[in-house]
Amino acid sequence: LVLARQTTDATATRLTSNTSAAGTTNQIILPNNSAYYFRGSITAGVTGGGNSAMWSFEGGIKRGANEASTTLIQSVINPVAADAGASSWIVALSADTTNGGIAVTVTGAAATTIRWVAKIDTTEVTF
């Protein structure tokens, strides 16, 4: 799945597959009683060839009987490359217990237009 967003400030922002708020149709959502291994990458850059940064990540997430039971088992985020001006940009992963999926959240910089793109692959089991 490809997720993206443009940020213009230092507010934490969820990446989605469209420009809408995070929901059950625009991010990775697990079915009840399932577990996923996920891995992905994120590239972020300032318009016009300014500062850029890249990360890789992987982890495990599971969901029990409902959305609220979604739990991030563990995740690792690896900074791969970054210009000095992108050193304060942040990538975070968590369980979305409202929608039952993986939440990919990014934080940019004040008064800076940054475009973020993530690609995520999953290996899934449902029981």
Protein backbone atom coordinates (compact mmCIF):
# COMPACT_ATOMS: atom_id res chain seq x y z
CA LEU A 1 0.00 0.00 0.00
CA VAL A 2 1.21 3.51 -0.77
CA LEU A 3 0.46 6.23 1.78
CA ALA A 4 1.22 9.94 1.41
CA ARG A 5 0.60 13.40 2.80
CA GLN A 6 1.91 16.94 2.55
CA THR A 7 2.73 18.77 5.78
CA THR A 8 3.39 22.47 6.31
CA ASP A 9 4.06 22.57 10.05
CA ALA A 10 5.48 20.59 12.98
CA THR A 11 2.18 18.87 13.83
CA ALA A 12 2.00 15.05 13.89
CA THR A 13 0.07 13.96 10.77
CA ARG A 14 -1.21 10.51 9.77
CA LEU A 15 -0.27 9.19 6.32
CA THR A 16 -3.19 7.77 4.29
CA SER A 17 -3.77 6.47 0.78
CA ASN A 18 -5.88 9.56 -0.01
CA THR A 19 -6.21 13.08 1.36
CA SER A 20 -8.91 12.14 3.88
CA ALA A 21 -8.60 11.63 7.62
CA ALA A 22 -7.41 8.17 8.68
CA GLY A 23 -10.17 5.59 8.43
CA THR A 24 -10.89 1.98 7.52
CA THR A 25 -10.47 2.48 3.76
CA ASN A 26 -7.23 4.45 3.47
CA GLN A 27 -4.64 2.66 5.61
CA ILE A 28 -3.63 -0.93 6.44
CA ILE A 29 -6.51 -2.40 8.44
CA LEU A 30 -6.34 -5.88 9.96
CA PRO A 31 -9.37 -8.17 10.06
CA ASN A 32 -10.45 -9.56 13.43
CA ASN A 33 -8.23 -12.35 14.79
CA SER A 34 -5.18 -11.70 12.62
CA ALA A 35 -1.47 -10.89 12.79
CA TYR A 36 0.68 -9.02 10.25
CA TYR A 37 4.37 -8.63 9.70
CA PHE A 38 4.99 -5.36 7.89
CA ARG A 39 7.94 -3.61 6.34
CA GLY A 40 8.25 -0.42 4.42
CA SER A 41 10.05 2.73 3.53
CA ILE A 42 9.36 6.45 3.67
CA THR A 43 10.81 9.23 1.57
CA ALA A 44 10.19 12.87 2.48
CA GLY A 45 11.32 15.98 0.67
CA VAL A 46 10.90 19.71 0.49
CA THR A 47 9.47 21.01 -2.78
CA GLY A 48 12.10 22.27 -5.20
CA GLY A 49 14.86 19.83 -4.29
CA GLY A 50 15.36 21.12 -0.75
CA ASN A 51 16.03 18.95 2.28
CA SER A 52 15.15 15.26 2.07
CA ALA A 53 15.12 12.26 4.39
CA MET A 54 14.51 8.51 4.09
CA TRP A 55 13.63 5.77 6.58
CA SER A 56 13.04 2.01 6.52
CA PHE A 57 10.86 0.25 9.07
CA GLU A 58 9.42 -3.12 10.01
CA GLY A 59 7.40 -4.67 12.77
CA GLY A 60 4.55 -6.85 13.89
CA ILE A 61 0.96 -5.99 14.72
CA LYS A 62 -2.03 -8.08 15.78
CA ARG A 63 -5.76 -7.64 16.19
CA GLY A 64 -8.07 -9.71 18.36
CA ALA A 65 -11.86 -9.62 18.42
CA ASN A 66 -12.26 -5.92 17.51
CA GLU A 67 -10.54 -2.65 16.59
CA ALA A 68 -9.78 -1.74 20.20
CA SER A 69 -7.75 -4.95 20.63
CA THR A 70 -5.22 -3.96 17.94
CA THR A 71 -1.69 -4.03 19.38
CA LEU A 72 1.66 -3.09 17.90
CA ILE A 73 3.84 -6.00 19.02
CA GLN A 74 7.12 -4.30 18.16
CA SER A 75 8.53 -2.05 15.47
CA VAL A 76 11.90 -0.74 14.36
CA ILE A 77 12.40 2.52 12.46
CA ASN A 78 15.79 3.00 10.80
CA PRO A 79 16.88 6.42 9.56
CA VAL A 80 18.57 5.72 6.22
CA ALA A 81 19.62 9.17 4.98
CA ALA A 82 18.84 12.79 5.81
CA ASP A 83 20.03 16.26 4.92
CA ALA A 84 21.02 18.35 7.94
CA GLY A 85 17.88 20.46 7.53
CA ALA A 86 15.70 17.34 7.89
CA SER A 87 17.26 16.09 11.13
CA SER A 88 14.24 17.07 13.25
CA TRP A 89 11.63 15.30 11.07
CA ILE A 90 9.98 12.35 12.81
CA VAL A 91 8.39 9.06 11.74
CA ALA A 92 6.32 7.06 14.27
CA LEU A 93 4.39 3.77 14.09
CA SER A 94 1.54 2.76 16.37
CA ALA A 95 -1.65 0.73 16.57
CA ASP A 96 -4.79 2.53 15.40
CA THR A 97 -7.26 1.17 17.98
CA THR A 98 -10.13 3.20 16.51
CA ASN A 99 -9.93 1.64 13.04
CA GLY A 100 -7.96 -1.53 13.83
CA GLY A 101 -4.81 -1.03 11.79
CA ILE A 102 -1.31 0.38 11.49
CA ALA A 103 -0.92 4.12 12.08
CA VAL A 104 2.00 5.77 10.27
CA THR A 105 2.50 9.27 11.66
CA VAL A 106 4.99 11.90 10.52
CA THR A 107 6.03 15.25 11.93
CA GLY A 108 7.68 17.85 9.74
CA ALA A 109 8.91 21.37 10.48
CA ALA A 110 7.20 24.70 11.05
CA ALA A 111 6.64 26.84 7.93
CA THR A 112 8.08 24.07 5.72
CA THR A 113 6.19 22.25 2.95
CA ILE A 114 7.25 18.58 3.01
CA ARG A 115 5.84 15.80 0.84
CA TRP A 116 5.87 12.36 2.47
CA VAL A 117 5.41 9.00 0.69
CA ALA A 118 5.44 5.56 2.33
CA LYS A 119 5.26 2.11 0.77
CA ILE A 120 4.27 -0.80 3.05
CA ASP A 121 4.29 -4.55 2.33
CA THR A 122 2.60 -7.08 4.64
CA THR A 123 2.69 -10.80 5.33
CA GLU A 124 -0.61 -11.79 6.91
CA VAL A 125 -2.28 -14.61 8.84
CA THR A 126 -5.89 -14.73 9.97
CA PHE A 127 -7.20 -17.35 12.40
